[in-house]
Each structure stands twice: as C-alpha cells, then as structure tokens.
Amino acid sequence: MIKRLSMSDKYILVGHEAVPEPDARKWAEFFQNGNRKVARTHITSSIYVSTVFLGLDHSWGEGPPMLFETMVFGGEHNQHCTRCSTWLKAEVQHVEMCNFVHSNQGE
C-alpha cells in the first residue's frame, strides 16, 4: 500500500515501488535522471502506447494516489489515457491499452 501524505505529494521510484519524497531537490533529481518508463509499444509506425511514472499524485485528493499514466500517441485515440497507483497495475494497464488500440483501429 502506498503511503499518502497530501494531494500535492511528490514520489520517486525505489525499484518498482513508489515512495513519497518530501525533499523537492531529491525529487527533482530523480525526475530528471531516474528511469520513469514502464513500457512503450509501437502499434503502427505512427501510433504508440507509452506508460510512465508521473512522480506526482494526479488523483487530486480523490482516492489512492494516481502515479502512473498510460497514454496513446497518434491515431484516432490520440491522447486517450488512464492512470493507476502501482507499477504492477501500470504494466497491466499498458497491455490493456495496447489491446484496446489494436482492436479499435479504424472504427
């Protein structure tokens, strides 16, 4: 379970676990230099799905912290996105989004 401090929390990854980082300088260093990529899949030459660690809670105070985002780039579903709280859920979300884009191309 991810510990929540407030709705403007900053997080870093330790391995695949999101942990709060109250020190803005340490957070900024991780955000600039850390590996935040969970997955990236090219559906076609002009469409891909990307899943990344956001480093900031995007739940806006509603429910668990939303720290990972999967987004479609290109095609008719461009910028369609979903968010979740954990690396494991992000991996599943990525596969689900790839399947969605594959099955809904050209509709």
PDB file of N, CA and C in Angstrom:
ATOM      1  N   MET A   1       0.838  -1.198   0.000  1.00  0.00           N
ATOM      2  CA  MET A   1       0.000   0.000   0.000  1.00  0.00           C
ATOM      3  C   MET A   1       0.872   1.245   0.000  1.00  0.00           C
ATOM      4  N   ILE A   2       0.550   2.194  -0.844  1.00  0.00           N
ATOM      5  CA  ILE A   2       1.316   3.425  -0.953  1.00  0.00           C
ATOM      6  C   ILE A   2       0.854   4.392   0.131  1.00  0.00           C
ATOM      7  N   LYS A   3       1.816   4.912   0.897  1.00  0.00           N
ATOM      8  CA  LYS A   3       1.500   5.893   1.935  1.00  0.00           C
ATOM      9  C   LYS A   3       1.208   7.238   1.279  1.00  0.00           C
ATOM     10  N   ARG A   4       0.134   7.866   1.674  1.00  0.00           N
ATOM     11  CA  ARG A   4      -0.272   9.143   1.100  1.00  0.00           C
ATOM     12  C   ARG A   4      -0.049  10.254   2.121  1.00  0.00           C
ATOM     13  N   LEU A   5       0.628  11.335   1.704  1.00  0.00           N
ATOM     14  CA  LEU A   5       0.881  12.463   2.588  1.00  0.00           C
ATOM     15  C   LEU A   5      -0.126  13.586   2.369  1.00  0.00           C
ATOM     16  N   SER A   6      -0.292  14.026   1.133  1.00  0.00           N
ATOM     17  CA  SER A   6      -1.268  15.058   0.788  1.00  0.00           C
ATOM     18  C   SER A   6      -1.510  15.003  -0.714  1.00  0.00           C
ATOM     19  N   MET A   7      -2.455  15.799  -1.228  1.00  0.00           N
ATOM     20  CA  MET A   7      -2.771  15.682  -2.638  1.00  0.00           C
ATOM     21  C   MET A   7      -1.711  16.284  -3.549  1.00  0.00           C
ATOM     22  N   SER A   8      -0.711  16.954  -3.005  1.00  0.00           N
ATOM     23  CA  SER A   8       0.341  17.506  -3.854  1.00  0.00           C
ATOM     24  C   SER A   8       1.659  16.764  -3.649  1.00  0.00           C
ATOM     25  N   ASP A   9       1.582  15.548  -3.179  1.00  0.00           N
ATOM     26  CA  ASP A   9       2.786  14.772  -2.891  1.00  0.00           C
ATOM     27  C   ASP A   9       3.648  14.533  -4.106  1.00  0.00           C
ATOM     28  N   LYS A  10       4.943  14.492  -3.837  1.00  0.00           N
ATOM     29  CA  LYS A  10       5.923  14.096  -4.839  1.00  0.00           C
ATOM     30  C   LYS A  10       6.381  12.685  -4.484  1.00  0.00           C
ATOM     31  N   TYR A  11       6.622  11.867  -5.500  1.00  0.00           N
ATOM     32  CA  TYR A  11       7.047  10.483  -5.304  1.00  0.00           C
ATOM     33  C   TYR A  11       8.242  10.192  -6.194  1.00  0.00           C
ATOM     34  N   ILE A  12       9.072   9.241  -5.750  1.00  0.00           N
ATOM     35  CA  ILE A  12      10.139   8.700  -6.561  1.00  0.00           C
ATOM     36  C   ILE A  12       9.960   7.186  -6.610  1.00  0.00           C
ATOM     37  N   LEU A  13      10.687   6.552  -7.495  1.00  0.00           N
ATOM     38  CA  LEU A  13      10.667   5.092  -7.546  1.00  0.00           C
ATOM     39  C   LEU A  13      11.906   4.543  -6.861  1.00  0.00           C
ATOM     40  N   VAL A  14      11.681   3.538  -6.020  1.00  0.00           N
ATOM     41  CA  VAL A  14      12.763   2.744  -5.454  1.00  0.00           C
ATOM     42  C   VAL A  14      12.513   1.343  -5.998  1.00  0.00           C
ATOM     43  N   GLY A  15      13.296   0.967  -7.005  1.00  0.00           N
ATOM     44  CA  GLY A  15      12.957  -0.230  -7.769  1.00  0.00           C
ATOM     45  C   GLY A  15      11.680   0.060  -8.522  1.00  0.00           C
ATOM     46  N   HIS A  16      10.649  -0.732  -8.273  1.00  0.00           N
ATOM     47  CA  HIS A  16       9.340  -0.501  -8.896  1.00  0.00           C
ATOM     48  C   HIS A  16       8.325   0.023  -7.894  1.00  0.00           C
ATOM     49  N   GLU A  17       8.776   0.392  -6.708  1.00  0.00           N
ATOM     50  CA  GLU A  17       7.862   0.879  -5.668  1.00  0.00           C
ATOM     51  C   GLU A  17       7.897   2.400  -5.590  1.00  0.00           C
ATOM     52  N   ALA A  18       6.711   3.005  -5.634  1.00  0.00           N
ATOM     53  CA  ALA A  18       6.592   4.455  -5.488  1.00  0.00           C
ATOM     54  C   ALA A  18       6.643   4.801  -4.004  1.00  0.00           C
ATOM     55  N   VAL A  19       7.536   5.723  -3.653  1.00  0.00           N
ATOM     56  CA  VAL A  19       7.664   6.156  -2.256  1.00  0.00           C
ATOM     57  C   VAL A  19       7.619   7.685  -2.208  1.00  0.00           C
ATOM     58  N   PRO A  20       6.983   8.240  -1.184  1.00  0.00           N
ATOM     59  CA  PRO A  20       6.929   9.697  -1.056  1.00  0.00           C
ATOM     60  C   PRO A  20       8.336  10.279  -0.919  1.00  0.00           C
ATOM     61  N   GLU A  21       8.559  11.414  -1.546  1.00  0.00           N
ATOM     62  CA  GLU A  21       9.830  12.127  -1.411  1.00  0.00           C
ATOM     63  C   GLU A  21       9.540  13.585  -1.075  1.00  0.00           C
ATOM     64  N   PRO A  22       9.607  13.934   0.215  1.00  0.00           N
ATOM     65  CA  PRO A  22       9.282  15.301   0.623  1.00  0.00           C
ATOM     66  C   PRO A  22      10.341  16.331   0.232  1.00  0.00           C
ATOM     67  N   ASP A  23      11.573  15.901  -0.024  1.00  0.00           N
ATOM     68  CA  ASP A  23      12.657  16.811  -0.390  1.00  0.00           C
ATOM     69  C   ASP A  23      12.555  17.159  -1.877  1.00  0.00           C
ATOM     70  N   ALA A  24      12.200  18.395  -2.170  1.00  0.00           N
ATOM     71  CA  ALA A  24      11.977  18.823  -3.558  1.00  0.00           C
ATOM     72  C   ALA A  24      13.229  18.648  -4.415  1.00  0.00           C
ATOM     73  N   ARG A  25      14.392  18.875  -3.859  1.00  0.00           N
ATOM     74  CA  ARG A  25      15.631  18.737  -4.628  1.00  0.00           C
ATOM     75  C   ARG A  25      15.881  17.278  -5.015  1.00  0.00           C
ATOM     76  N   LYS A  26      15.673  16.362  -4.070  1.00  0.00           N
ATOM     77  CA  LYS A  26      15.852  14.929  -4.357  1.00  0.00           C
ATOM     78  C   LYS A  26      14.816  14.464  -5.386  1.00  0.00           C
ATOM     79  N   TRP A  27      13.585  14.958  -5.236  1.00  0.00           N
ATOM     80  CA  TRP A  27      12.538  14.595  -6.191  1.00  0.00           C
ATOM     81  C   TRP A  27      12.902  15.084  -7.593  1.00  0.00           C
ATOM     82  N   ALA A  28      13.359  16.334  -7.694  1.00  0.00           N
ATOM     83  CA  ALA A  28      13.708  16.895  -8.995  1.00  0.00           C
ATOM     84  C   ALA A  28      14.869  16.140  -9.632  1.00  0.00           C
ATOM     85  N   GLU A  29      15.839  15.737  -8.819  1.00  0.00           N
ATOM     86  CA  GLU A  29      16.964  14.957  -9.351  1.00  0.00           C
ATOM     87  C   GLU A  29      16.491  13.620  -9.888  1.00  0.00           C
ATOM     88  N   PHE A  30      15.618  12.952  -9.129  1.00  0.00           N
ATOM     89  CA  PHE A  30      15.075  11.678  -9.627  1.00  0.00           C
ATOM     90  C   PHE A  30      14.279  11.904 -10.904  1.00  0.00           C
ATOM     91  N   PHE A  31      13.429  12.937 -10.901  1.00  0.00           N
ATOM     92  CA  PHE A  31      12.562  13.190 -12.048  1.00  0.00           C
ATOM     93  C   PHE A  31      13.393  13.456 -13.303  1.00  0.00           C
ATOM     94  N   GLN A  32      14.515  14.134 -13.157  1.00  0.00           N
ATOM     95  CA  GLN A  32      15.366  14.456 -14.299  1.00  0.00           C
ATOM     96  C   GLN A  32      16.209  13.262 -14.734  1.00  0.00           C
ATOM     97  N   ASN A  33      16.719  12.485 -13.780  1.00  0.00           N
ATOM     98  CA  ASN A  33      17.703  11.447 -14.096  1.00  0.00           C
ATOM     99  C   ASN A  33      17.213  10.013 -13.951  1.00  0.00           C
ATOM    100  N   GLY A  34      16.110   9.799 -13.242  1.00  0.00           N
ATOM    101  CA  GLY A  34      15.633   8.445 -12.990  1.00  0.00           C
ATOM    102  C   GLY A  34      14.918   7.847 -14.192  1.00  0.00           C
ATOM    103  N   ASN A  35      14.851   6.526 -14.215  1.00  0.00           N
ATOM    104  CA  ASN A  35      14.129   5.840 -15.281  1.00  0.00           C
ATOM    105  C   ASN A  35      12.661   5.758 -14.888  1.00  0.00           C
ATOM    106  N   ARG A  36      11.827   6.538 -15.556  1.00  0.00           N
ATOM    107  CA  ARG A  36      10.401   6.582 -15.241  1.00  0.00           C
ATOM    108  C   ARG A  36       9.570   5.784 -16.229  1.00  0.00           C
ATOM    109  N   LYS A  37      10.206   5.175 -17.225  1.00  0.00           N
ATOM    110  CA  LYS A  37       9.476   4.449 -18.264  1.00  0.00           C
ATOM    111  C   LYS A  37       9.099   3.054 -17.784  1.00  0.00           C
ATOM    112  N   VAL A  38       7.819   2.732 -17.855  1.00  0.00           N
ATOM    113  CA  VAL A  38       7.327   1.393 -17.544  1.00  0.00           C
ATOM    114  C   VAL A  38       7.326   0.561 -18.824  1.00  0.00           C
ATOM    115  N   ALA A  39       6.737   1.101 -19.895  1.00  0.00           N
ATOM    116  CA  ALA A  39       6.666   0.372 -21.172  1.00  0.00           C
ATOM    117  C   ALA A  39       6.339   1.343 -22.304  1.00  0.00           C
ATOM    118  N   ARG A  40       6.742   0.921 -23.500  1.00  0.00           N
ATOM    119  CA  ARG A  40       6.393   1.673 -24.723  1.00  0.00           C
ATOM    120  C   ARG A  40       6.227   0.649 -25.835  1.00  0.00           C
ATOM    121  N   THR A  41       5.079   0.693 -26.498  1.00  0.00           N
ATOM    122  CA  THR A  41       4.766  -0.271 -27.544  1.00  0.00           C
ATOM    123  C   THR A  41       4.307   0.460 -28.793  1.00  0.00           C
ATOM    124  N   HIS A  42       4.960   0.177 -29.911  1.00  0.00           N
ATOM    125  CA  HIS A  42       4.532   0.741 -31.196  1.00  0.00           C
ATOM    126  C   HIS A  42       3.440  -0.155 -31.774  1.00  0.00           C
ATOM    127  N   ILE A  43       2.291   0.442 -32.009  1.00  0.00           N
ATOM    128  CA  ILE A  43       1.157  -0.278 -32.590  1.00  0.00           C
ATOM    129  C   ILE A  43       1.299  -0.280 -34.113  1.00  0.00           C
ATOM    130  N   THR A  44       1.611   0.876 -34.673  1.00  0.00           N
ATOM    131  CA  THR A  44       1.926   1.044 -36.082  1.00  0.00           C
ATOM    132  C   THR A  44       3.116   2.001 -36.140  1.00  0.00           C
ATOM    133  N   SER A  45       3.528   2.365 -37.351  1.00  0.00           N
ATOM    134  CA  SER A  45       4.647   3.308 -37.460  1.00  0.00           C
ATOM    135  C   SER A  45       4.295   4.696 -36.937  1.00  0.00           C
ATOM    136  N   SER A  46       3.000   5.004 -36.831  1.00  0.00           N
ATOM    137  CA  SER A  46       2.593   6.332 -36.374  1.00  0.00           C
ATOM    138  C   SER A  46       1.764   6.327 -35.089  1.00  0.00           C
ATOM    139  N   ILE A  47       1.573   5.167 -34.475  1.00  0.00           N
ATOM    140  CA  ILE A  47       0.794   5.060 -33.235  1.00  0.00           C
ATOM    141  C   ILE A  47       1.580   4.246 -32.221  1.00  0.00           C
ATOM    142  N   TYR A  48       1.692   4.786 -31.005  1.00  0.00           N
ATOM    143  CA  TYR A  48       2.316   4.016 -29.941  1.00  0.00           C
ATOM    144  C   TYR A  48       1.634   4.274 -28.608  1.00  0.00           C
ATOM    145  N   VAL A  49       1.845   3.362 -27.692  1.00  0.00           N
ATOM    146  CA  VAL A  49       1.313   3.453 -26.332  1.00  0.00           C
ATOM    147  C   VAL A  49       2.505   3.571 -25.395  1.00  0.00           C
ATOM    148  N   SER A  50       2.434   4.526 -24.485  1.00  0.00           N
ATOM    149  CA  SER A  50       3.515   4.765 -23.530  1.00  0.00           C
ATOM    150  C   SER A  50       2.952   4.740 -22.108  1.00  0.00           C
ATOM    151  N   THR A  51       3.685   4.080 -21.212  1.00  0.00           N
ATOM    152  CA  THR A  51       3.314   4.057 -19.797  1.00  0.00           C
ATOM    153  C   THR A  51       4.516   4.549 -18.997  1.00  0.00           C
ATOM    154  N   VAL A  52       4.271   5.581 -18.176  1.00  0.00           N
ATOM    155  CA  VAL A  52       5.348   6.191 -17.401  1.00  0.00           C
ATOM    156  C   VAL A  52       4.916   6.441 -15.957  1.00  0.00           C
ATOM    157  N   PHE A  53       5.929   6.574 -15.107  1.00  0.00           N
ATOM    158  CA  PHE A  53       5.741   7.014 -13.724  1.00  0.00           C
ATOM    159  C   PHE A  53       5.698   8.535 -13.743  1.00  0.00           C
ATOM    160  N   LEU A  54       4.646   9.126 -13.181  1.00  0.00           N
ATOM    161  CA  LEU A  54       4.452  10.570 -13.235  1.00  0.00           C
ATOM    162  C   LEU A  54       5.258  11.333 -12.188  1.00  0.00           C
ATOM    163  N   GLY A  55       5.471  10.738 -11.025  1.00  0.00           N
ATOM    164  CA  GLY A  55       6.217  11.411  -9.967  1.00  0.00           C
ATOM    165  C   GLY A  55       5.389  12.351  -9.111  1.00  0.00           C
ATOM    166  N   LEU A  56       4.190  12.650  -9.557  1.00  0.00           N
ATOM    167  CA  LEU A  56       3.254  13.499  -8.804  1.00  0.00           C
ATOM    168  C   LEU A  56       1.909  12.792  -8.739  1.00  0.00           C
ATOM    169  N   ASP A  57       1.213  13.004  -7.646  1.00  0.00           N
ATOM    170  CA  ASP A  57      -0.109  12.409  -7.477  1.00  0.00           C
ATOM    171  C   ASP A  57      -1.123  13.164  -8.329  1.00  0.00           C
ATOM    172  N   HIS A  58      -1.721  12.463  -9.288  1.00  0.00           N
ATOM    173  CA  HIS A  58      -2.727  13.054 -10.169  1.00  0.00           C
ATOM    174  C   HIS A  58      -4.157  12.647  -9.791  1.00  0.00           C
ATOM    175  N   SER A  59      -4.364  12.261  -8.537  1.00  0.00           N
ATOM    176  CA  SER A  59      -5.726  11.906  -8.106  1.00  0.00           C
ATOM    177  C   SER A  59      -6.498  13.122  -7.632  1.00  0.00           C
ATOM    178  N   TRP A  60      -5.783  14.206  -7.375  1.00  0.00           N
ATOM    179  CA  TRP A  60      -6.386  15.450  -6.916  1.00  0.00           C
ATOM    180  C   TRP A  60      -7.237  15.241  -5.665  1.00  0.00           C
ATOM    181  N   GLY A  61      -6.752  14.374  -4.763  1.00  0.00           N
ATOM    182  CA  GLY A  61      -7.405  14.169  -3.479  1.00  0.00           C
ATOM    183  C   GLY A  61      -8.533  13.166  -3.488  1.00  0.00           C
ATOM    184  N   GLU A  62      -8.800  12.533  -4.609  1.00  0.00           N
ATOM    185  CA  GLU A  62      -9.874  11.562  -4.736  1.00  0.00           C
ATOM    186  C   GLU A  62      -9.302  10.155  -4.807  1.00  0.00           C
ATOM    187  N   GLY A  63      -9.396   9.381  -3.752  1.00  0.00           N
ATOM    188  CA  GLY A  63      -8.927   8.001  -3.765  1.00  0.00           C
ATOM    189  C   GLY A  63      -7.421   7.881  -3.633  1.00  0.00           C
ATOM    190  N   PRO A  64      -6.892   6.722  -4.026  1.00  0.00           N
ATOM    191  CA  PRO A  64      -5.454   6.482  -3.891  1.00  0.00           C
ATOM    192  C   PRO A  64      -4.662   7.363  -4.860  1.00  0.00           C
ATOM    193  N   PRO A  65      -3.387   7.589  -4.583  1.00  0.00           N
ATOM    194  CA  PRO A  65      -2.588   8.425  -5.486  1.00  0.00           C
ATOM    195  C   PRO A  65      -2.465   7.809  -6.880  1.00  0.00           C
ATOM    196  N   MET A  66      -2.667   8.611  -7.894  1.00  0.00           N
ATOM    197  CA  MET A  66      -2.522   8.183  -9.289  1.00  0.00           C
ATOM    198  C   MET A  66      -1.131   8.616  -9.747  1.00  0.00           C
ATOM    199  N   LEU A  67      -0.229   7.640  -9.860  1.00  0.00           N
ATOM    200  CA  LEU A  67       1.187   7.934 -10.072  1.00  0.00           C
ATOM    201  C   LEU A  67       1.732   7.446 -11.405  1.00  0.00           C
ATOM    202  N   PHE A  68       0.981   6.623 -12.112  1.00  0.00           N
ATOM    203  CA  PHE A  68       1.408   6.066 -13.394  1.00  0.00           C
ATOM    204  C   PHE A  68       0.364   6.411 -14.439  1.00  0.00           C
ATOM    205  N   GLU A  69       0.830   6.680 -15.653  1.00  0.00           N
ATOM    206  CA  GLU A  69      -0.085   7.046 -16.728  1.00  0.00           C
ATOM    207  C   GLU A  69       0.248   6.274 -17.994  1.00  0.00           C
ATOM    208  N   THR A  70      -0.797   5.752 -18.623  1.00  0.00           N
ATOM    209  CA  THR A  70      -0.680   5.105 -19.926  1.00  0.00           C
ATOM    210  C   THR A  70      -1.419   5.981 -20.925  1.00  0.00           C
ATOM    211  N   MET A  71      -0.730   6.326 -22.015  1.00  0.00           N
ATOM    212  CA  MET A  71      -1.329   7.226 -22.999  1.00  0.00           C
ATOM    213  C   MET A  71      -1.043   6.734 -24.416  1.00  0.00           C
ATOM    214  N   VAL A  72      -2.036   6.962 -25.279  1.00  0.00           N
ATOM    215  CA  VAL A  72      -1.911   6.660 -26.707  1.00  0.00           C
ATOM    216  C   VAL A  72      -1.407   7.916 -27.412  1.00  0.00           C
ATOM    217  N   PHE A  73      -0.442   7.730 -28.309  1.00  0.00           N
ATOM    218  CA  PHE A  73       0.059   8.823 -29.136  1.00  0.00           C
ATOM    219  C   PHE A  73      -0.160   8.462 -30.598  1.00  0.00           C
ATOM    220  N   GLY A  74      -0.915   9.309 -31.280  1.00  0.00           N
ATOM    221  CA  GLY A  74      -1.208   9.100 -32.692  1.00  0.00           C
ATOM    222  C   GLY A  74      -2.527   8.382 -32.904  1.00  0.00           C
ATOM    223  N   GLY A  75      -3.023   8.483 -34.129  1.00  0.00           N
ATOM    224  CA  GLY A  75      -4.259   7.795 -34.490  1.00  0.00           C
ATOM    225  C   GLY A  75      -5.497   8.427 -33.886  1.00  0.00           C
ATOM    226  N   GLU A  76      -6.611   7.758 -34.076  1.00  0.00           N
ATOM    227  CA  GLU A  76      -7.894   8.311 -33.633  1.00  0.00           C
ATOM    228  C   GLU A  76      -8.059   8.325 -32.117  1.00  0.00           C
ATOM    229  N   HIS A  77      -7.248   7.582 -31.406  1.00  0.00           N
ATOM    230  CA  HIS A  77      -7.329   7.559 -29.934  1.00  0.00           C
ATOM    231  C   HIS A  77      -6.212   8.384 -29.299  1.00  0.00           C
ATOM    232  N   ASN A  78      -5.613   9.272 -30.097  1.00  0.00           N
ATOM    233  CA  ASN A  78      -4.517  10.121 -29.624  1.00  0.00           C
ATOM    234  C   ASN A  78      -4.872  10.804 -28.301  1.00  0.00           C
ATOM    235  N   GLN A  79      -3.991  10.697 -27.345  1.00  0.00           N
ATOM    236  CA  GLN A  79      -4.081  11.290 -26.008  1.00  0.00           C
ATOM    237  C   GLN A  79      -5.105  10.619 -25.097  1.00  0.00           C
ATOM    238  N   HIS A  80      -5.674   9.506 -25.519  1.00  0.00           N
ATOM    239  CA  HIS A  80      -6.522   8.733 -24.610  1.00  0.00           C
ATOM    240  C   HIS A  80      -5.597   8.213 -23.511  1.00  0.00           C
ATOM    241  N   CYS A  81      -5.991   8.399 -22.246  1.00  0.00           N
ATOM    242  CA  CYS A  81      -5.093   7.958 -21.177  1.00  0.00           C
ATOM    243  C   CYS A  81      -5.861   7.368 -20.001  1.00  0.00           C
ATOM    244  N   THR A  82      -5.137   6.561 -19.247  1.00  0.00           N
ATOM    245  CA  THR A  82      -5.628   6.007 -17.992  1.00  0.00           C
ATOM    246  C   THR A  82      -4.509   6.141 -16.967  1.00  0.00           C
ATOM    247  N   ARG A  83      -4.884   6.163 -15.689  1.00  0.00           N
ATOM    248  CA  ARG A  83      -3.896   6.298 -14.615  1.00  0.00           C
ATOM    249  C   ARG A  83      -4.151   5.260 -13.536  1.00  0.00           C
ATOM    250  N   CYS A  84      -3.076   4.943 -12.800  1.00  0.00           N
ATOM    251  CA  CYS A  84      -3.189   3.977 -11.708  1.00  0.00           C
ATOM    252  C   CYS A  84      -2.130   4.263 -10.646  1.00  0.00           C
ATOM    253  N   SER A  85      -2.109   3.434  -9.608  1.00  0.00           N
ATOM    254  CA  SER A  85      -1.285   3.697  -8.428  1.00  0.00           C
ATOM    255  C   SER A  85       0.022   2.920  -8.334  1.00  0.00           C
ATOM    256  N   THR A  86       0.117   1.756  -8.974  1.00  0.00           N
ATOM    257  CA  THR A  86       1.293   0.916  -8.771  1.00  0.00           C
ATOM    258  C   THR A  86       1.931   0.501 -10.095  1.00  0.00           C
ATOM    259  N   TRP A  87       3.190   0.105 -10.014  1.00  0.00           N
ATOM    260  CA  TRP A  87       3.921  -0.371 -11.201  1.00  0.00           C
ATOM    261  C   TRP A  87       3.229  -1.584 -11.802  1.00  0.00           C
ATOM    262  N   LEU A  88       2.858  -2.531 -10.942  1.00  0.00           N
ATOM    263  CA  LEU A  88       2.212  -3.751 -11.435  1.00  0.00           C
ATOM    264  C   LEU A  88       0.915  -3.426 -12.179  1.00  0.00           C
ATOM    265  N   LYS A  89       0.094  -2.555 -11.608  1.00  0.00           N
ATOM    266  CA  LYS A  89      -1.140  -2.154 -12.286  1.00  0.00           C
ATOM    267  C   LYS A  89      -0.823  -1.415 -13.585  1.00  0.00           C
ATOM    268  N   ALA A  90       0.265  -0.648 -13.587  1.00  0.00           N
ATOM    269  CA  ALA A  90       0.668   0.086 -14.792  1.00  0.00           C
ATOM    270  C   ALA A  90       1.045  -0.875 -15.913  1.00  0.00           C
ATOM    271  N   GLU A  91       1.725  -1.962 -15.579  1.00  0.00           N
ATOM    272  CA  GLU A  91       2.070  -2.965 -16.595  1.00  0.00           C
ATOM    273  C   GLU A  91       0.804  -3.578 -17.201  1.00  0.00           C
ATOM    274  N   VAL A  92      -0.156  -3.903 -16.350  1.00  0.00           N
ATOM    275  CA  VAL A  92      -1.425  -4.475 -16.820  1.00  0.00           C
ATOM    276  C   VAL A  92      -2.181  -3.444 -17.651  1.00  0.00           C
ATOM    277  N   GLN A  93      -2.235  -2.227 -17.166  1.00  0.00           N
ATOM    278  CA  GLN A  93      -2.921  -1.138 -17.860  1.00  0.00           C
ATOM    279  C   GLN A  93      -2.320  -0.919 -19.244  1.00  0.00           C
ATOM    280  N   HIS A  94      -1.008  -1.038 -19.357  1.00  0.00           N
ATOM    281  CA  HIS A  94      -0.332  -0.865 -20.643  1.00  0.00           C
ATOM    282  C   HIS A  94      -0.799  -1.923 -21.650  1.00  0.00           C
ATOM    283  N   VAL A  95      -0.803  -3.164 -21.223  1.00  0.00           N
ATOM    284  CA  VAL A  95      -1.246  -4.260 -22.103  1.00  0.00           C
ATOM    285  C   VAL A  95      -2.704  -4.047 -22.503  1.00  0.00           C
ATOM    286  N   GLU A  96      -3.542  -3.670 -21.556  1.00  0.00           N
ATOM    287  CA  GLU A  96      -4.962  -3.439 -21.849  1.00  0.00           C
ATOM    288  C   GLU A  96      -5.139  -2.313 -22.872  1.00  0.00           C
ATOM    289  N   MET A  97      -4.343  -1.240 -22.732  1.00  0.00           N
ATOM    290  CA  MET A  97      -4.450  -0.122 -23.671  1.00  0.00           C
ATOM    291  C   MET A  97      -3.982  -0.548 -25.056  1.00  0.00           C
ATOM    292  N   CYS A  98      -2.900  -1.309 -25.130  1.00  0.00           N
ATOM    293  CA  CYS A  98      -2.431  -1.819 -26.427  1.00  0.00           C
ATOM    294  C   CYS A  98      -3.510  -2.669 -27.084  1.00  0.00           C
ATOM    295  N   ASN A  99      -4.134  -3.542 -26.306  1.00  0.00           N
ATOM    296  CA  ASN A  99      -5.215  -4.380 -26.834  1.00  0.00           C
ATOM    297  C   ASN A  99      -6.389  -3.531 -27.309  1.00  0.00           C
ATOM    298  N   PHE A 100      -6.725  -2.498 -26.542  1.00  0.00           N
ATOM    299  CA  PHE A 100      -7.812  -1.588 -26.914  1.00  0.00           C
ATOM    300  C   PHE A 100      -7.516  -0.918 -28.258  1.00  0.00           C
ATOM    301  N   VAL A 101      -6.324  -0.385 -28.401  1.00  0.00           N
ATOM    302  CA  VAL A 101      -5.966   0.330 -29.642  1.00  0.00           C
ATOM    303  C   VAL A 101      -5.958  -0.652 -30.818  1.00  0.00           C
ATOM    304  N   HIS A 102      -5.368  -1.816 -30.619  1.00  0.00           N
ATOM    305  CA  HIS A 102      -5.343  -2.840 -31.694  1.00  0.00           C
ATOM    306  C   HIS A 102      -6.762  -3.187 -32.141  1.00  0.00           C
ATOM    307  N   SER A 103      -7.649  -3.408 -31.189  1.00  0.00           N
ATOM    308  CA  SER A 103      -8.991  -3.869 -31.535  1.00  0.00           C
ATOM    309  C   SER A 103      -9.924  -2.758 -31.998  1.00  0.00           C
ATOM    310  N   ASN A 104      -9.531  -1.508 -31.807  1.00  0.00           N
ATOM    311  CA  ASN A 104     -10.401  -0.387 -32.184  1.00  0.00           C
ATOM    312  C   ASN A 104      -9.819   0.491 -33.277  1.00  0.00           C
ATOM    313  N   GLN A 105      -8.836   0.015 -33.978  1.00  0.00           N
ATOM    314  CA  GLN A 105      -8.280   0.786 -35.087  1.00  0.00           C
ATOM    315  C   GLN A 105      -9.286   0.837 -36.230  1.00  0.00           C
ATOM    316  N   GLY A 106      -9.430   2.018 -36.790  1.00  0.00           N
ATOM    317  CA  GLY A 106     -10.272   2.178 -37.968  1.00  0.00           C
ATOM    318  C   GLY A 106     -11.756   2.258 -37.683  1.00  0.00           C
ATOM    319  N   GLU A 107     -12.137   2.360 -36.415  1.00  0.00           N
ATOM    320  CA  GLU A 107     -13.579   2.499 -36.121  1.00  0.00           C
ATOM    321  C   GLU A 107     -13.992   3.937 -36.125  1.00  0.00           C
TER     322      GLU A 107
END
